[in-house]
Amino acid sequence: MKTRSTNFPRRSRGGSAVLVLLVLLTVMLILIEVNTAALNRLEREVKGLEKEQVQRLNPSAKPPLRPGQTATNRPASR
């Protein structure tokens, strides 16, 4: 015959397993968030480096025209 006292250790192990899984899930979500932020930061840095290299390797290229500006009324560069 089973008594109630024999069921308590089993329930506490089940509860601790759920707690461990929740902690692991929380840690995984934090790591995903940190990695996403780092990836976004690196993406911005690569875009900036790419822009610098394009300007450095193609110095004859003129900057794009502003809205309403035509090639004939572009101010002279100094």
PDB file of N, CA and C in Angstrom:
ATOM      1  N   MET A   1       0.834  -1.166   0.000  1.00  0.00           N
ATOM      2  CA  MET A   1       0.000   0.000   0.000  1.00  0.00           C
ATOM      3  C   MET A   1       0.894   1.250   0.000  1.00  0.00           C
ATOM      4  N   LYS A   2       0.586   2.167  -0.897  1.00  0.00           N
ATOM      5  CA  LYS A   2       1.366   3.402  -0.966  1.00  0.00           C
ATOM      6  C   LYS A   2       0.803   4.427  -0.012  1.00  0.00           C
ATOM      7  N   THR A   3       1.700   5.158   0.574  1.00  0.00           N
ATOM      8  CA  THR A   3       1.265   6.235   1.460  1.00  0.00           C
ATOM      9  C   THR A   3       1.591   7.560   0.795  1.00  0.00           C
ATOM     10  N   ARG A   4       1.039   8.603   1.301  1.00  0.00           N
ATOM     11  CA  ARG A   4       1.271   9.929   0.736  1.00  0.00           C
ATOM     12  C   ARG A   4       2.719  10.367   0.883  1.00  0.00           C
ATOM     13  N   SER A   5       3.369   9.950   1.939  1.00  0.00           N
ATOM     14  CA  SER A   5       4.738  10.405   2.177  1.00  0.00           C
ATOM     15  C   SER A   5       5.703   9.901   1.115  1.00  0.00           C
ATOM     16  N   THR A   6       5.434   8.808   0.458  1.00  0.00           N
ATOM     17  CA  THR A   6       6.343   8.306  -0.580  1.00  0.00           C
ATOM     18  C   THR A   6       6.201   9.087  -1.882  1.00  0.00           C
ATOM     19  N   ASN A   7       5.121   9.794  -2.081  1.00  0.00           N
ATOM     20  CA  ASN A   7       4.926  10.553  -3.314  1.00  0.00           C
ATOM     21  C   ASN A   7       5.602  11.922  -3.288  1.00  0.00           C
ATOM     22  N   PHE A   8       5.912  12.464  -2.128  1.00  0.00           N
ATOM     23  CA  PHE A   8       6.472  13.815  -2.052  1.00  0.00           C
ATOM     24  C   PHE A   8       7.843  13.943  -2.713  1.00  0.00           C
ATOM     25  N   PRO A   9       8.793  13.047  -2.514  1.00  0.00           N
ATOM     26  CA  PRO A   9      10.082  13.214  -3.186  1.00  0.00           C
ATOM     27  C   PRO A   9       9.942  13.188  -4.702  1.00  0.00           C
ATOM     28  N   ARG A  10       9.037  12.387  -5.202  1.00  0.00           N
ATOM     29  CA  ARG A  10       8.836  12.309  -6.639  1.00  0.00           C
ATOM     30  C   ARG A  10       8.293  13.636  -7.181  1.00  0.00           C
ATOM     31  N   ARG A  11       7.386  14.241  -6.496  1.00  0.00           N
ATOM     32  CA  ARG A  11       6.829  15.518  -6.933  1.00  0.00           C
ATOM     33  C   ARG A  11       7.873  16.628  -6.854  1.00  0.00           C
ATOM     34  N   SER A  12       8.707  16.608  -5.839  1.00  0.00           N
ATOM     35  CA  SER A  12       9.715  17.664  -5.728  1.00  0.00           C
ATOM     36  C   SER A  12      10.746  17.541  -6.841  1.00  0.00           C
ATOM     37  N   ARG A  13      11.072  16.319  -7.269  1.00  0.00           N
ATOM     38  CA  ARG A  13      11.994  16.148  -8.388  1.00  0.00           C
ATOM     39  C   ARG A  13      11.352  16.664  -9.675  1.00  0.00           C
ATOM     40  N   GLY A  14      10.081  16.408  -9.847  1.00  0.00           N
ATOM     41  CA  GLY A  14       9.385  16.907 -11.029  1.00  0.00           C
ATOM     42  C   GLY A  14       9.335  18.421 -11.045  1.00  0.00           C
ATOM     43  N   GLY A  15       9.117  19.008  -9.897  1.00  0.00           N
ATOM     44  CA  GLY A  15       9.098  20.467  -9.801  1.00  0.00           C
ATOM     45  C   GLY A  15      10.466  21.066 -10.043  1.00  0.00           C
ATOM     46  N   SER A  16      11.498  20.415  -9.549  1.00  0.00           N
ATOM     47  CA  SER A  16      12.849  20.941  -9.766  1.00  0.00           C
ATOM     48  C   SER A  16      13.256  20.788 -11.223  1.00  0.00           C
ATOM     49  N   ALA A  17      12.777  19.739 -11.886  1.00  0.00           N
ATOM     50  CA  ALA A  17      13.074  19.578 -13.312  1.00  0.00           C
ATOM     51  C   ALA A  17      12.447  20.715 -14.116  1.00  0.00           C
ATOM     52  N   VAL A  18      11.237  21.082 -13.774  1.00  0.00           N
ATOM     53  CA  VAL A  18      10.574  22.202 -14.456  1.00  0.00           C
ATOM     54  C   VAL A  18      11.344  23.491 -14.201  1.00  0.00           C
ATOM     55  N   LEU A  19      11.787  23.676 -12.979  1.00  0.00           N
ATOM     56  CA  LEU A  19      12.557  24.878 -12.643  1.00  0.00           C
ATOM     57  C   LEU A  19      13.865  24.932 -13.428  1.00  0.00           C
ATOM     58  N   VAL A  20      14.557  23.815 -13.525  1.00  0.00           N
ATOM     59  CA  VAL A  20      15.809  23.756 -14.290  1.00  0.00           C
ATOM     60  C   VAL A  20      15.541  24.062 -15.758  1.00  0.00           C
ATOM     61  N   LEU A  21      14.485  23.523 -16.315  1.00  0.00           N
ATOM     62  CA  LEU A  21      14.160  23.811 -17.712  1.00  0.00           C
ATOM     63  C   LEU A  21      13.824  25.287 -17.930  1.00  0.00           C
ATOM     64  N   LEU A  22      13.112  25.882 -16.992  1.00  0.00           N
ATOM     65  CA  LEU A  22      12.798  27.316 -17.111  1.00  0.00           C
ATOM     66  C   LEU A  22      14.059  28.166 -17.041  1.00  0.00           C
ATOM     67  N   VAL A  23      14.983  27.800 -16.152  1.00  0.00           N
ATOM     68  CA  VAL A  23      16.250  28.540 -16.046  1.00  0.00           C
ATOM     69  C   VAL A  23      17.047  28.397 -17.338  1.00  0.00           C
ATOM     70  N   LEU A  24      17.122  27.180 -17.886  1.00  0.00           N
ATOM     71  CA  LEU A  24      17.848  26.970 -19.140  1.00  0.00           C
ATOM     72  C   LEU A  24      17.204  27.744 -20.289  1.00  0.00           C
ATOM     73  N   LEU A  25      15.901  27.749 -20.338  1.00  0.00           N
ATOM     74  CA  LEU A  25      15.199  28.504 -21.376  1.00  0.00           C
ATOM     75  C   LEU A  25      15.477  29.997 -21.248  1.00  0.00           C
ATOM     76  N   THR A  26      15.486  30.498 -20.023  1.00  0.00           N
ATOM     77  CA  THR A  26      15.777  31.916 -19.791  1.00  0.00           C
ATOM     78  C   THR A  26      17.197  32.257 -20.236  1.00  0.00           C
ATOM     79  N   VAL A  27      18.150  31.410 -19.897  1.00  0.00           N
ATOM     80  CA  VAL A  27      19.544  31.640 -20.303  1.00  0.00           C
ATOM     81  C   VAL A  27      19.660  31.617 -21.824  1.00  0.00           C
ATOM     82  N   MET A  28      18.977  30.682 -22.466  1.00  0.00           N
ATOM     83  CA  MET A  28      19.018  30.617 -23.928  1.00  0.00           C
ATOM     84  C   MET A  28      18.422  31.873 -24.555  1.00  0.00           C
ATOM     85  N   LEU A  29      17.323  32.370 -24.013  1.00  0.00           N
ATOM     86  CA  LEU A  29      16.711  33.586 -24.553  1.00  0.00           C
ATOM     87  C   LEU A  29      17.622  34.797 -24.367  1.00  0.00           C
ATOM     88  N   ILE A  30      18.302  34.856 -23.243  1.00  0.00           N
ATOM     89  CA  ILE A  30      19.249  35.955 -23.013  1.00  0.00           C
ATOM     90  C   ILE A  30      20.394  35.884 -24.012  1.00  0.00           C
ATOM     91  N   LEU A  31      20.915  34.697 -24.250  1.00  0.00           N
ATOM     92  CA  LEU A  31      22.002  34.537 -25.213  1.00  0.00           C
ATOM     93  C   LEU A  31      21.555  34.906 -26.624  1.00  0.00           C
ATOM     94  N   ILE A  32      20.338  34.542 -26.977  1.00  0.00           N
ATOM     95  CA  ILE A  32      19.822  34.901 -28.296  1.00  0.00           C
ATOM     96  C   ILE A  32      19.729  36.420 -28.435  1.00  0.00           C
ATOM     97  N   GLU A  33      19.241  37.084 -27.403  1.00  0.00           N
ATOM     98  CA  GLU A  33      19.117  38.547 -27.437  1.00  0.00           C
ATOM     99  C   GLU A  33      20.479  39.222 -27.556  1.00  0.00           C
ATOM    100  N   VAL A  34      21.446  38.745 -26.783  1.00  0.00           N
ATOM    101  CA  VAL A  34      22.799  39.325 -26.822  1.00  0.00           C
ATOM    102  C   VAL A  34      23.432  39.096 -28.182  1.00  0.00           C
ATOM    103  N   ASN A  35      23.273  37.906 -28.729  1.00  0.00           N
ATOM    104  CA  ASN A  35      23.851  37.614 -30.044  1.00  0.00           C
ATOM    105  C   ASN A  35      23.179  38.431 -31.141  1.00  0.00           C
ATOM    106  N   THR A  36      21.888  38.652 -31.035  1.00  0.00           N
ATOM    107  CA  THR A  36      21.191  39.469 -32.020  1.00  0.00           C
ATOM    108  C   THR A  36      21.694  40.909 -31.983  1.00  0.00           C
ATOM    109  N   ALA A  37      21.884  41.435 -30.791  1.00  0.00           N
ATOM    110  CA  ALA A  37      22.404  42.801 -30.669  1.00  0.00           C
ATOM    111  C   ALA A  37      23.820  42.895 -31.236  1.00  0.00           C
ATOM    112  N   ALA A  38      24.647  41.906 -30.956  1.00  0.00           N
ATOM    113  CA  ALA A  38      26.015  41.906 -31.481  1.00  0.00           C
ATOM    114  C   ALA A  38      26.002  41.795 -32.999  1.00  0.00           C
ATOM    115  N   LEU A  39      25.127  40.980 -33.533  1.00  0.00           N
ATOM    116  CA  LEU A  39      25.029  40.821 -34.979  1.00  0.00           C
ATOM    117  C   LEU A  39      24.594  42.123 -35.646  1.00  0.00           C
ATOM    118  N   ASN A  40      23.636  42.825 -35.064  1.00  0.00           N
ATOM    119  CA  ASN A  40      23.203  44.113 -35.608  1.00  0.00           C
ATOM    120  C   ASN A  40      24.335  45.134 -35.569  1.00  0.00           C
ATOM    121  N   ARG A  41      25.093  45.147 -34.467  1.00  0.00           N
ATOM    122  CA  ARG A  41      26.220  46.064 -34.344  1.00  0.00           C
ATOM    123  C   ARG A  41      27.287  45.759 -35.404  1.00  0.00           C
ATOM    124  N   LEU A  42      27.574  44.486 -35.611  1.00  0.00           N
ATOM    125  CA  LEU A  42      28.558  44.099 -36.623  1.00  0.00           C
ATOM    126  C   LEU A  42      28.075  44.430 -38.029  1.00  0.00           C
ATOM    127  N   GLU A  43      26.783  44.269 -38.257  1.00  0.00           N
ATOM    128  CA  GLU A  43      26.238  44.597 -39.574  1.00  0.00           C
ATOM    129  C   GLU A  43      26.407  46.086 -39.881  1.00  0.00           C
ATOM    130  N   ARG A  44      26.129  46.939 -38.894  1.00  0.00           N
ATOM    131  CA  ARG A  44      26.333  48.385 -39.087  1.00  0.00           C
ATOM    132  C   ARG A  44      27.807  48.702 -39.329  1.00  0.00           C
ATOM    133  N   GLU A  45      28.686  48.028 -38.615  1.00  0.00           N
ATOM    134  CA  GLU A  45      30.117  48.268 -38.778  1.00  0.00           C
ATOM    135  C   GLU A  45      30.585  47.848 -40.172  1.00  0.00           C
ATOM    136  N   VAL A  46      30.108  46.715 -40.663  1.00  0.00           N
ATOM    137  CA  VAL A  46      30.483  46.252 -41.997  1.00  0.00           C
ATOM    138  C   VAL A  46      29.969  47.215 -43.059  1.00  0.00           C
ATOM    139  N   LYS A  47      28.754  47.703 -42.893  1.00  0.00           N
ATOM    140  CA  LYS A  47      28.216  48.668 -43.858  1.00  0.00           C
ATOM    141  C   LYS A  47      29.062  49.942 -43.881  1.00  0.00           C
ATOM    142  N   GLY A  48      29.485  50.392 -42.697  1.00  0.00           N
ATOM    143  CA  GLY A  48      30.342  51.579 -42.637  1.00  0.00           C
ATOM    144  C   GLY A  48      31.686  51.345 -43.292  1.00  0.00           C
ATOM    145  N   LEU A  49      32.278  50.186 -43.043  1.00  0.00           N
ATOM    146  CA  LEU A  49      33.564  49.858 -43.672  1.00  0.00           C
ATOM    147  C   LEU A  49      33.416  49.746 -45.182  1.00  0.00           C
ATOM    148  N   GLU A  50      32.319  49.147 -45.623  1.00  0.00           N
ATOM    149  CA  GLU A  50      32.080  49.014 -47.055  1.00  0.00           C
ATOM    150  C   GLU A  50      31.957  50.393 -47.704  1.00  0.00           C
ATOM    151  N   LYS A  51      31.258  51.287 -47.051  1.00  0.00           N
ATOM    152  CA  LYS A  51      31.083  52.641 -47.576  1.00  0.00           C
ATOM    153  C   LYS A  51      32.441  53.358 -47.665  1.00  0.00           C
ATOM    154  N   GLU A  52      33.259  53.209 -46.616  1.00  0.00           N
ATOM    155  CA  GLU A  52      34.588  53.823 -46.627  1.00  0.00           C
ATOM    156  C   GLU A  52      35.447  53.261 -47.752  1.00  0.00           C
ATOM    157  N   GLN A  53      35.392  51.954 -47.969  1.00  0.00           N
ATOM    158  CA  GLN A  53      36.203  51.351 -49.020  1.00  0.00           C
ATOM    159  C   GLN A  53      35.733  51.774 -50.402  1.00  0.00           C
ATOM    160  N   VAL A  54      34.442  51.878 -50.598  1.00  0.00           N
ATOM    161  CA  VAL A  54      33.933  52.318 -51.892  1.00  0.00           C
ATOM    162  C   VAL A  54      34.403  53.740 -52.168  1.00  0.00           C
ATOM    163  N   GLN A  55      34.347  54.593 -51.157  1.00  0.00           N
ATOM    164  CA  GLN A  55      34.805  55.977 -51.344  1.00  0.00           C
ATOM    165  C   GLN A  55      36.304  56.029 -51.580  1.00  0.00           C
ATOM    166  N   ARG A  56      37.059  55.176 -50.888  1.00  0.00           N
ATOM    167  CA  ARG A  56      38.513  55.182 -51.032  1.00  0.00           C
ATOM    168  C   ARG A  56      38.933  54.622 -52.382  1.00  0.00           C
ATOM    169  N   LEU A  57      38.279  53.569 -52.844  1.00  0.00           N
ATOM    170  CA  LEU A  57      38.681  52.915 -54.084  1.00  0.00           C
ATOM    171  C   LEU A  57      38.079  53.566 -55.324  1.00  0.00           C
ATOM    172  N   ASN A  58      37.103  54.414 -55.166  1.00  0.00           N
ATOM    173  CA  ASN A  58      36.464  55.078 -56.294  1.00  0.00           C
ATOM    174  C   ASN A  58      36.393  56.576 -56.022  1.00  0.00           C
ATOM    175  N   PRO A  59      37.530  57.260 -55.972  1.00  0.00           N
ATOM    176  CA  PRO A  59      37.523  58.684 -55.611  1.00  0.00           C
ATOM    177  C   PRO A  59      36.888  59.577 -56.669  1.00  0.00           C
ATOM    178  N   SER A  60      36.806  59.102 -57.927  1.00  0.00           N
ATOM    179  CA  SER A  60      36.224  59.944 -58.968  1.00  0.00           C
ATOM    180  C   SER A  60      34.705  59.989 -58.897  1.00  0.00           C
ATOM    181  N   ALA A  61      34.128  59.101 -58.133  1.00  0.00           N
ATOM    182  CA  ALA A  61      32.669  59.095 -58.020  1.00  0.00           C
ATOM    183  C   ALA A  61      32.202  60.322 -57.246  1.00  0.00           C
ATOM    184  N   LYS A  62      31.186  60.932 -57.761  1.00  0.00           N
ATOM    185  CA  LYS A  62      30.639  62.119 -57.114  1.00  0.00           C
ATOM    186  C   LYS A  62      29.537  61.692 -56.157  1.00  0.00           C
ATOM    187  N   PRO A  63      29.302  62.477 -55.115  1.00  0.00           N
ATOM    188  CA  PRO A  63      28.212  62.124 -54.202  1.00  0.00           C
ATOM    189  C   PRO A  63      26.868  62.210 -54.916  1.00  0.00           C
ATOM    190  N   PRO A  64      25.884  61.476 -54.476  1.00  0.00           N
ATOM    191  CA  PRO A  64      24.582  61.500 -55.153  1.00  0.00           C
ATOM    192  C   PRO A  64      23.933  62.875 -55.068  1.00  0.00           C
ATOM    193  N   LEU A  65      23.107  63.150 -56.047  1.00  0.00           N
ATOM    194  CA  LEU A  65      22.395  64.417 -56.080  1.00  0.00           C
ATOM    195  C   LEU A  65      21.323  64.459 -55.005  1.00  0.00           C
ATOM    196  N   ARG A  66      21.133  65.646 -54.451  1.00  0.00           N
ATOM    197  CA  ARG A  66      20.052  65.842 -53.492  1.00  0.00           C
ATOM    198  C   ARG A  66      18.744  65.998 -54.249  1.00  0.00           C
ATOM    199  N   PRO A  67      17.617  65.771 -53.598  1.00  0.00           N
ATOM    200  CA  PRO A  67      16.324  65.930 -54.286  1.00  0.00           C
ATOM    201  C   PRO A  67      16.180  67.349 -54.833  1.00  0.00           C
ATOM    202  N   GLY A  68      15.775  67.444 -56.087  1.00  0.00           N
ATOM    203  CA  GLY A  68      15.579  68.742 -56.715  1.00  0.00           C
ATOM    204  C   GLY A  68      16.842  69.316 -57.320  1.00  0.00           C
ATOM    205  N   GLN A  69      17.965  68.662 -57.171  1.00  0.00           N
ATOM    206  CA  GLN A  69      19.226  69.170 -57.701  1.00  0.00           C
ATOM    207  C   GLN A  69      19.540  68.430 -58.992  1.00  0.00           C
ATOM    208  N   THR A  70      20.011  69.183 -59.998  1.00  0.00           N
ATOM    209  CA  THR A  70      20.405  68.559 -61.257  1.00  0.00           C
ATOM    210  C   THR A  70      21.911  68.653 -61.408  1.00  0.00           C
ATOM    211  N   ALA A  71      22.438  67.961 -62.362  1.00  0.00           N
ATOM    212  CA  ALA A  71      23.894  67.941 -62.566  1.00  0.00           C
ATOM    213  C   ALA A  71      24.399  69.319 -62.995  1.00  0.00           C
ATOM    214  N   THR A  72      23.561  70.163 -63.600  1.00  0.00           N
ATOM    215  CA  THR A  72      24.019  71.475 -64.086  1.00  0.00           C
ATOM    216  C   THR A  72      24.082  72.498 -62.963  1.00  0.00           C
ATOM    217  N   ASN A  73      23.285  72.356 -61.898  1.00  0.00           N
ATOM    218  CA  ASN A  73      23.328  73.363 -60.830  1.00  0.00           C
ATOM    219  C   ASN A  73      24.033  72.837 -59.583  1.00  0.00           C
ATOM    220  N   ARG A  74      24.898  71.848 -59.768  1.00  0.00           N
ATOM    221  CA  ARG A  74      25.645  71.312 -58.631  1.00  0.00           C
ATOM    222  C   ARG A  74      26.711  72.341 -58.239  1.00  0.00           C
ATOM    223  N   PRO A  75      26.855  72.658 -56.967  1.00  0.00           N
ATOM    224  CA  PRO A  75      27.883  73.623 -56.565  1.00  0.00           C
ATOM    225  C   PRO A  75      29.268  73.037 -56.797  1.00  0.00           C
ATOM    226  N   ALA A  76      30.189  73.932 -57.129  1.00  0.00           N
ATOM    227  CA  ALA A  76      31.560  73.500 -57.393  1.00  0.00           C
ATOM    228  C   ALA A  76      32.229  73.045 -56.108  1.00  0.00           C
ATOM    229  N   SER A  77      32.948  71.934 -56.188  1.00  0.00           N
ATOM    230  CA  SER A  77      33.659  71.454 -54.998  1.00  0.00           C
ATOM    231  C   SER A  77      34.994  72.154 -54.893  1.00  0.00           C
ATOM    232  N   ARG A  78      35.474  72.341 -53.675  1.00  0.00           N
ATOM    233  CA  ARG A  78      36.718  73.082 -53.477  1.00  0.00           C
ATOM    234  C   ARG A  78      37.816  72.164 -53.092  1.00  0.00           C
TER     235      ARG A  78
END
